[in-house]
Amino acid sequence: MAHYFLSVHEPRKAALLLLGRQLLAMPLFVLLPRWLGFYGIYLVGLARNLPFAVAAALLMVHELAKLRAPEEPAPTAS
């Protein structure tokens, strides 16, 4: 999804999706193994992807609604 937002010149949305996952992974690698032991390491991937998958879905729903909306005609110079 982030690559779509890069291609339509929406770098903030793309950065949210790309960098957010990486930034969330760092504290999860520290916290989840403390709480869940060895299995916490396996759950880091799921735990960091899940919130950003939801965010990507919400951003895409908004983007599709924007694409489906009829465009307003450009004002003509009189």
Protein backbone atom coordinates (compact mmCIF):
# COMPACT_ATOMS: atom_id res chain seq x y z
CA MET A 1 0.00 0.00 0.00
CA ALA A 2 2.81 2.41 0.75
CA HIS A 3 4.08 2.11 -2.80
CA TYR A 4 0.68 3.18 -4.11
CA PHE A 5 0.83 6.35 -2.05
CA LEU A 6 4.35 7.02 -3.29
CA SER A 7 3.19 6.67 -6.88
CA VAL A 8 0.32 9.15 -6.41
CA HIS A 9 2.64 11.68 -4.72
CA GLU A 10 1.40 11.25 -1.14
CA PRO A 11 4.72 10.88 0.71
CA ARG A 12 3.34 11.46 4.21
CA LYS A 13 0.92 8.57 3.97
CA ALA A 14 3.63 6.36 2.51
CA ALA A 15 6.06 7.32 5.27
CA LEU A 16 3.44 6.56 7.91
CA LEU A 17 3.03 3.06 6.54
CA LEU A 18 6.69 2.31 5.81
CA LEU A 19 8.51 3.94 8.69
CA GLY A 20 5.84 3.36 11.30
CA ARG A 21 6.21 -0.41 11.02
CA GLN A 22 9.95 -0.18 11.53
CA LEU A 23 9.70 2.22 14.46
CA LEU A 24 7.09 0.06 16.15
CA ALA A 25 9.24 -3.05 15.76
CA MET A 26 12.06 -1.75 17.95
CA PRO A 27 10.14 -1.51 21.25
CA LEU A 28 8.23 -4.69 20.41
CA PHE A 29 11.50 -6.64 20.11
CA VAL A 30 12.31 -5.54 23.65
CA LEU A 31 8.91 -5.88 25.29
CA LEU A 32 7.28 -8.97 23.77
CA PRO A 33 10.10 -11.43 24.59
CA ARG A 34 10.09 -10.17 28.19
CA TRP A 35 6.38 -10.81 28.50
CA LEU A 36 5.96 -13.91 26.33
CA GLY A 37 9.41 -15.42 26.26
CA PHE A 38 10.73 -16.97 23.08
CA TYR A 39 7.33 -16.84 21.34
CA GLY A 40 7.30 -13.09 21.72
CA ILE A 41 9.97 -12.87 19.03
CA TYR A 42 7.66 -14.63 16.57
CA LEU A 43 4.77 -12.35 17.43
CA VAL A 44 6.69 -9.14 16.72
CA GLY A 45 5.99 -9.40 12.98
CA LEU A 46 2.27 -9.79 13.53
CA ALA A 47 2.10 -7.14 16.23
CA ARG A 48 3.85 -4.52 14.12
CA ASN A 49 1.95 -5.28 10.89
CA LEU A 50 -1.56 -5.47 12.28
CA PRO A 51 -2.08 -1.79 13.23
CA PHE A 52 -0.55 -0.60 9.97
CA ALA A 53 -2.65 -3.01 7.93
CA VAL A 54 -5.72 -1.44 9.49
CA ALA A 55 -4.32 2.05 8.82
CA ALA A 56 -3.56 1.11 5.20
CA ALA A 57 -7.09 -0.22 4.73
CA LEU A 58 -8.61 2.98 6.12
CA LEU A 59 -6.37 5.14 3.94
CA MET A 60 -7.28 3.11 0.85
CA VAL A 61 -11.02 3.32 1.57
CA HIS A 62 -10.65 7.08 1.77
CA GLU A 63 -8.55 7.13 -1.41
CA LEU A 64 -11.05 5.01 -3.35
CA ALA A 65 -13.90 7.27 -2.27
CA LYS A 66 -11.89 10.23 -3.52
CA LEU A 67 -11.28 8.51 -6.87
CA ARG A 68 -14.95 7.60 -7.32
CA ALA A 69 -16.20 11.12 -6.59
CA PRO A 70 -17.03 13.09 -9.74
CA GLU A 71 -14.58 15.83 -10.51
CA GLU A 72 -15.76 19.40 -10.47
CA PRO A 73 -15.38 21.17 -13.80
CA ALA A 74 -12.49 23.60 -14.00
CA PRO A 75 -13.56 27.24 -13.81
CA THR A 76 -13.49 29.00 -17.14
CA ALA A 77 -12.02 32.46 -17.58
CA SER A 78 -14.72 34.93 -18.63
